[in-house]
C-alpha cells in the first residue's frame, strides 16, 4: 500500500484536494488517473480510502469512500534526545524510531551538547517520509528543542528514566520495563550528561538505567531504548 498524507482531513471530510506539489507527484510521476484509488492518512491513526475525481497535476481532487481507525497503542514512549554533532546521525535516529513506532520526541540541549540548534522543518519532513514509507498511521510528535533543565523540570507523570554512562548505581532497563506503561527516557549527547544534570534528573524522580554493557552512541542508545519498549509491548 502506498500511503499519502493530509493533516487537514477528518471523519467529517467528504472530499479534498492535494497541494500542487503532491498533485504533480501523483499525476505526473505515479501516473494516476480518474477513478484510481489512493490511501491517505492524517497522521492521527485514520486510514482514508479515496477515489480520484479530478486527475489534475495542479489540484488532484479525491472523494473519500471509506474510513478506518487504527487502535492506539496502550503504551507510550517519549524520548528526549540530545542532538548529535553530525546531523545525519540524528536524522537516522528520527527515521528508524518512526519506523519502529515511537510516539514523541524532544531534542534536549545539554551541558556537553556540541549542537545547540535543530532544523525542525527538516526533521518534520524526515518523520513524515518515514511514517509514509512504513505505512504507519500515527505521525510522531516532534517538539521544539529545549534545555535539559527545562525538560526535567516540566510536569510529567510518566515512568521517567535517564540513561547515562557514569559508574553509579543503575537499574537495567529490562528490569523496569512493563507492558502498557507511559515512558519518558533521557538520552544524552556524545560526551554524556554532566554530573549536575544527572543529579537534577534524579531529584526530579528520574531513575538511572543501563542499556547494556557497552558504551553506545547517542543515536544507538535511543534506538535500543525504542526497540526495547516495543518488544515488551508486542502482542
Foldseek 3Di string as FASTA:
>chain_A
DQEAEDQPDDPPAFKAWDALVVLLCVCVVVVDDFQDWHWYANQQQKIFIWTFHHSDNHITMTGTDDMDGDDDFLEAEEEAFAQEPDNVLVLVLLLVLLLLPHAEYEHEHAPPRPDDADDVVVSQVSQVVSCRVNVNRHGHHYDHYYYLLVVLPDDDPFQAAEEWDDPDDAAAPLVPDAESGYYYYYFYYQVTHDPVSVVSNVVSVHGYHYLDDDDDHRSVSSVSVSNSNSVNHDD
